[in-house]
Amino acid sequence: MIMDAIDRAIILATQEGLALVPQPYHAVAEQMGMTPDEVMERMRAMLERGVIRRIGAVPNHYALGYKANGMTVWDVADARVDELGERIGQLDSVSHCYQRPRHLPDWPYNFFAMVHGHDRAEVERKARRIEEILGDACGGHEILYSTRILKKTGLRIGS
């Protein structure tokens, strides 16, 4: 993962978040003395090289009215977790999902999908939709509800 001084400066300029303006890359470009196309191309190249993993919004779900936030945990047939994970990850109701190892006999779950709702009943409805998609590949599940926000930032590098 090679990055030059310009890449590093772009990361420093964006790591606290993009400006909440209609054209955020233009604001970064102006700050950097570059064109918006140059900034976007450099960010695209850093994604491709693995210097940065993603560019995305990090909403505060509580502030948006989503008071019930449930990490749904699933016991999914290992042979189907990749295939089904792709389908679950595309649902509008799932903000992120991933596979993790089981820790038998206490923890049979190997697939996790975060679901947000205005209340627990909404989260449970969304979990039932996931269960329908998983079908007979699902051996069980639980919903673990958040009680507070623990982290809303990614890795930060120093200047």
C-alpha atoms as a PDB file:
ATOM      1  CA  MET A   1       0.000   0.000   0.000  1.00  0.00           C
ATOM      2  CA  ILE A   2       1.936   2.956  -1.299  1.00  0.00           C
ATOM      3  CA  MET A   3       0.634   6.474  -0.872  1.00  0.00           C
ATOM      4  CA  ASP A   4       2.345   9.711  -1.661  1.00  0.00           C
ATOM      5  CA  ALA A   5       2.107  13.079   0.098  1.00  0.00           C
ATOM      6  CA  ILE A   6      -0.948  14.100  -1.935  1.00  0.00           C
ATOM      7  CA  ASP A   7      -2.812  10.883  -1.062  1.00  0.00           C
ATOM      8  CA  ARG A   8      -1.956  11.422   2.607  1.00  0.00           C
ATOM      9  CA  ALA A   9      -3.171  15.033   2.449  1.00  0.00           C
ATOM     10  CA  ILE A  10      -6.478  13.890   0.895  1.00  0.00           C
ATOM     11  CA  ILE A  11      -6.934  11.335   3.671  1.00  0.00           C
ATOM     12  CA  LEU A  12      -6.212  13.964   6.315  1.00  0.00           C
ATOM     13  CA  ALA A  13      -8.660  16.361   4.662  1.00  0.00           C
ATOM     14  CA  THR A  14     -11.457  13.769   4.529  1.00  0.00           C
ATOM     15  CA  GLN A  15     -11.006  11.525   7.560  1.00  0.00           C
ATOM     16  CA  GLU A  16     -13.298  13.621   9.758  1.00  0.00           C
ATOM     17  CA  GLY A  17     -15.947  13.418   7.056  1.00  0.00           C
ATOM     18  CA  LEU A  18     -16.829  15.196   3.866  1.00  0.00           C
ATOM     19  CA  ALA A  19     -18.422  18.631   4.029  1.00  0.00           C
ATOM     20  CA  LEU A  20     -22.216  18.557   4.044  1.00  0.00           C
ATOM     21  CA  VAL A  21     -22.498  20.533   0.829  1.00  0.00           C
ATOM     22  CA  PRO A  22     -23.987  19.643  -2.573  1.00  0.00           C
ATOM     23  CA  GLN A  23     -20.525  18.931  -4.050  1.00  0.00           C
ATOM     24  CA  PRO A  24     -18.249  17.693  -1.241  1.00  0.00           C
ATOM     25  CA  TYR A  25     -15.385  16.636  -3.509  1.00  0.00           C
ATOM     26  CA  HIS A  26     -15.278  20.159  -4.918  1.00  0.00           C
ATOM     27  CA  ALA A  27     -14.765  21.469  -1.370  1.00  0.00           C
ATOM     28  CA  VAL A  28     -11.870  19.037  -0.823  1.00  0.00           C
ATOM     29  CA  ALA A  29     -10.397  19.971  -4.193  1.00  0.00           C
ATOM     30  CA  GLU A  30     -10.541  23.666  -3.359  1.00  0.00           C
ATOM     31  CA  GLN A  31      -8.825  23.038  -0.020  1.00  0.00           C
ATOM     32  CA  MET A  32      -6.132  20.946  -1.747  1.00  0.00           C
ATOM     33  CA  GLY A  33      -5.578  23.213  -4.757  1.00  0.00           C
ATOM     34  CA  MET A  34      -6.691  20.434  -7.103  1.00  0.00           C
ATOM     35  CA  THR A  35      -9.602  19.767  -9.437  1.00  0.00           C
ATOM     36  CA  PRO A  36     -12.552  17.695  -8.207  1.00  0.00           C
ATOM     37  CA  ASP A  37     -11.772  15.088 -10.888  1.00  0.00           C
ATOM     38  CA  GLU A  38      -8.205  14.743  -9.559  1.00  0.00           C
ATOM     39  CA  VAL A  39      -9.464  14.255  -5.989  1.00  0.00           C
ATOM     40  CA  MET A  40     -12.042  11.666  -7.049  1.00  0.00           C
ATOM     41  CA  GLU A  41      -9.543   9.800  -9.236  1.00  0.00           C
ATOM     42  CA  ARG A  42      -6.982   9.679  -6.419  1.00  0.00           C
ATOM     43  CA  MET A  43      -9.619   8.393  -3.981  1.00  0.00           C
ATOM     44  CA  ARG A  44     -10.734   5.769  -6.511  1.00  0.00           C
ATOM     45  CA  ALA A  45      -7.099   4.675  -6.969  1.00  0.00           C
ATOM     46  CA  MET A  46      -6.568   4.473  -3.185  1.00  0.00           C
ATOM     47  CA  LEU A  47      -9.647   2.234  -2.935  1.00  0.00           C
ATOM     48  CA  GLU A  48      -8.340  -0.022  -5.708  1.00  0.00           C
ATOM     49  CA  ARG A  49      -4.891  -0.272  -4.051  1.00  0.00           C
ATOM     50  CA  GLY A  50      -6.362  -0.942  -0.620  1.00  0.00           C
ATOM     51  CA  VAL A  51      -4.983   2.242   0.947  1.00  0.00           C
ATOM     52  CA  ILE A  52      -8.566   3.023   1.982  1.00  0.00           C
ATOM     53  CA  ARG A  53     -11.258   0.361   2.336  1.00  0.00           C
ATOM     54  CA  ARG A  54     -14.398   2.342   1.646  1.00  0.00           C
ATOM     55  CA  ILE A  55     -16.041   5.706   1.311  1.00  0.00           C
ATOM     56  CA  GLY A  56     -19.437   5.816   2.923  1.00  0.00           C
ATOM     57  CA  ALA A  57     -21.880   7.608   5.127  1.00  0.00           C
ATOM     58  CA  VAL A  58     -21.847   6.917   8.864  1.00  0.00           C
ATOM     59  CA  PRO A  59     -25.300   7.947  10.027  1.00  0.00           C
ATOM     60  CA  ASN A  60     -26.371   8.353  13.624  1.00  0.00           C
ATOM     61  CA  HIS A  61     -29.402   6.070  13.522  1.00  0.00           C
ATOM     62  CA  TYR A  62     -30.730   7.343  16.833  1.00  0.00           C
ATOM     63  CA  ALA A  63     -30.771  10.929  15.527  1.00  0.00           C
ATOM     64  CA  LEU A  64     -32.672   9.716  12.448  1.00  0.00           C
ATOM     65  CA  GLY A  65     -35.396   8.181  14.621  1.00  0.00           C
ATOM     66  CA  TYR A  66     -34.231   4.563  14.457  1.00  0.00           C
ATOM     67  CA  LYS A  67     -34.340   3.741  18.156  1.00  0.00           C
ATOM     68  CA  ALA A  68     -34.279  -0.054  17.813  1.00  0.00           C
ATOM     69  CA  ASN A  69     -30.994  -1.288  16.389  1.00  0.00           C
ATOM     70  CA  GLY A  70     -30.601  -5.040  16.332  1.00  0.00           C
ATOM     71  CA  MET A  71     -27.621  -7.138  15.379  1.00  0.00           C
ATOM     72  CA  THR A  72     -29.284 -10.249  14.038  1.00  0.00           C
ATOM     73  CA  VAL A  73     -27.085 -13.314  14.497  1.00  0.00           C
ATOM     74  CA  TRP A  74     -27.707 -16.429  12.447  1.00  0.00           C
ATOM     75  CA  ASP A  75     -26.624 -20.066  12.334  1.00  0.00           C
ATOM     76  CA  VAL A  76     -26.257 -20.415   8.557  1.00  0.00           C
ATOM     77  CA  ALA A  77     -25.079 -23.528   6.737  1.00  0.00           C
ATOM     78  CA  ASP A  78     -21.376 -22.925   6.081  1.00  0.00           C
ATOM     79  CA  ALA A  79     -21.644 -24.074   2.464  1.00  0.00           C
ATOM     80  CA  ARG A  80     -24.250 -21.368   1.762  1.00  0.00           C
ATOM     81  CA  VAL A  81     -23.134 -18.412   3.875  1.00  0.00           C
ATOM     82  CA  ASP A  82     -21.366 -16.591   1.000  1.00  0.00           C
ATOM     83  CA  GLU A  83     -24.269 -16.999  -1.415  1.00  0.00           C
ATOM     84  CA  LEU A  84     -26.915 -16.020   1.135  1.00  0.00           C
ATOM     85  CA  GLY A  85     -24.769 -13.264   2.619  1.00  0.00           C
ATOM     86  CA  GLU A  86     -24.704 -11.558  -0.781  1.00  0.00           C
ATOM     87  CA  ARG A  87     -28.499 -11.589  -0.874  1.00  0.00           C
ATOM     88  CA  ILE A  88     -28.920 -10.384   2.708  1.00  0.00           C
ATOM     89  CA  GLY A  89     -26.338  -7.621   2.219  1.00  0.00           C
ATOM     90  CA  GLN A  90     -28.424  -6.212  -0.640  1.00  0.00           C
ATOM     91  CA  LEU A  91     -31.530  -5.721   1.503  1.00  0.00           C
ATOM     92  CA  ASP A  92     -32.381  -2.073   2.163  1.00  0.00           C
ATOM     93  CA  SER A  93     -33.042  -2.980   5.797  1.00  0.00           C
ATOM     94  CA  VAL A  94     -29.478  -4.278   6.398  1.00  0.00           C
ATOM     95  CA  SER A  95     -26.782  -1.663   6.963  1.00  0.00           C
ATOM     96  CA  HIS A  96     -23.946  -4.192   7.094  1.00  0.00           C
ATOM     97  CA  CYS A  97     -23.404  -7.925   7.408  1.00  0.00           C
ATOM     98  CA  TYR A  98     -20.478 -10.274   7.763  1.00  0.00           C
ATOM     99  CA  GLN A  99     -19.384 -13.797   8.587  1.00  0.00           C
ATOM    100  CA  ARG A 100     -17.593 -14.727  11.833  1.00  0.00           C
ATOM    101  CA  PRO A 101     -16.462 -18.056  13.287  1.00  0.00           C
ATOM    102  CA  ARG A 102     -18.757 -20.036  15.529  1.00  0.00           C
ATOM    103  CA  HIS A 103     -17.670 -20.743  19.116  1.00  0.00           C
ATOM    104  CA  LEU A 104     -19.371 -24.033  19.873  1.00  0.00           C
ATOM    105  CA  PRO A 105     -21.068 -25.140  22.007  1.00  0.00           C
ATOM    106  CA  ASP A 106     -21.968 -21.703  23.416  1.00  0.00           C
ATOM    107  CA  TRP A 107     -22.182 -19.608  20.238  1.00  0.00           C
ATOM    108  CA  PRO A 108     -23.547 -21.359  17.126  1.00  0.00           C
ATOM    109  CA  TYR A 109     -23.872 -18.174  15.055  1.00  0.00           C
ATOM    110  CA  ASN A 110     -21.648 -17.502  12.061  1.00  0.00           C
ATOM    111  CA  PHE A 111     -23.522 -14.768  10.168  1.00  0.00           C
ATOM    112  CA  PHE A 112     -24.339 -11.276  11.436  1.00  0.00           C
ATOM    113  CA  ALA A 113     -26.638  -8.659   9.870  1.00  0.00           C
ATOM    114  CA  MET A 114     -27.316  -5.218  11.405  1.00  0.00           C
ATOM    115  CA  VAL A 115     -30.940  -4.082  11.146  1.00  0.00           C
ATOM    116  CA  HIS A 116     -32.347  -0.702  12.184  1.00  0.00           C
ATOM    117  CA  GLY A 117     -35.964   0.100  13.023  1.00  0.00           C
ATOM    118  CA  HIS A 118     -38.092   2.750  14.653  1.00  0.00           C
ATOM    119  CA  ASP A 119     -39.088   0.143  17.234  1.00  0.00           C
ATOM    120  CA  ARG A 120     -38.366  -3.503  18.050  1.00  0.00           C
ATOM    121  CA  ALA A 121     -41.450  -4.711  16.184  1.00  0.00           C
ATOM    122  CA  GLU A 122     -40.027  -3.215  12.974  1.00  0.00           C
ATOM    123  CA  VAL A 123     -36.650  -4.894  13.557  1.00  0.00           C
ATOM    124  CA  GLU A 124     -38.419  -8.209  14.174  1.00  0.00           C
ATOM    125  CA  ARG A 125     -40.365  -7.845  10.892  1.00  0.00           C
ATOM    126  CA  LYS A 126     -37.116  -7.195   9.050  1.00  0.00           C
ATOM    127  CA  ALA A 127     -35.496 -10.204  10.750  1.00  0.00           C
ATOM    128  CA  ARG A 128     -38.386 -12.399   9.589  1.00  0.00           C
ATOM    129  CA  ARG A 129     -37.636 -11.301   6.001  1.00  0.00           C
ATOM    130  CA  ILE A 130     -34.005 -12.381   6.468  1.00  0.00           C
ATOM    131  CA  GLU A 131     -35.217 -15.701   7.877  1.00  0.00           C
ATOM    132  CA  GLU A 132     -37.420 -16.224   4.792  1.00  0.00           C
ATOM    133  CA  ILE A 133     -34.421 -15.706   2.504  1.00  0.00           C
ATOM    134  CA  LEU A 134     -32.191 -18.022   4.548  1.00  0.00           C
ATOM    135  CA  GLY A 135     -34.869 -20.726   4.494  1.00  0.00           C
ATOM    136  CA  ASP A 136     -33.695 -24.205   5.424  1.00  0.00           C
ATOM    137  CA  ALA A 137     -30.050 -23.015   5.505  1.00  0.00           C
ATOM    138  CA  CYS A 138     -30.867 -21.324   8.840  1.00  0.00           C
ATOM    139  CA  GLY A 139     -30.500 -23.316  12.040  1.00  0.00           C
ATOM    140  CA  GLY A 140     -31.584 -20.520  14.361  1.00  0.00           C
ATOM    141  CA  HIS A 141     -31.063 -16.878  15.220  1.00  0.00           C
ATOM    142  CA  GLU A 142     -31.255 -14.184  17.859  1.00  0.00           C
ATOM    143  CA  ILE A 143     -31.533 -10.403  17.839  1.00  0.00           C
ATOM    144  CA  LEU A 144     -29.094  -8.487  20.033  1.00  0.00           C
ATOM    145  CA  TYR A 145     -30.350  -4.941  20.602  1.00  0.00           C
ATOM    146  CA  SER A 146     -28.019  -1.955  20.991  1.00  0.00           C
ATOM    147  CA  THR A 147     -28.262   0.075  24.159  1.00  0.00           C
ATOM    148  CA  ARG A 148     -25.862   2.849  23.097  1.00  0.00           C
ATOM    149  CA  ILE A 149     -23.553   3.966  20.300  1.00  0.00           C
ATOM    150  CA  LEU A 150     -20.001   2.799  20.895  1.00  0.00           C
ATOM    151  CA  LYS A 151     -18.148   4.034  17.814  1.00  0.00           C
ATOM    152  CA  LYS A 152     -18.933   6.188  14.798  1.00  0.00           C
ATOM    153  CA  THR A 153     -15.499   6.818  13.302  1.00  0.00           C
ATOM    154  CA  GLY A 154     -12.911   4.914  11.353  1.00  0.00           C
ATOM    155  CA  LEU A 155      -9.156   4.823  11.772  1.00  0.00           C
ATOM    156  CA  ARG A 156      -7.525   8.253  11.977  1.00  0.00           C
ATOM    157  CA  ILE A 157      -3.991   9.077  10.910  1.00  0.00           C
ATOM    158  CA  GLY A 158      -2.008  11.921  12.414  1.00  0.00           C
ATOM    159  CA  SER A 159      -0.741  14.893  10.492  1.00  0.00           C
END
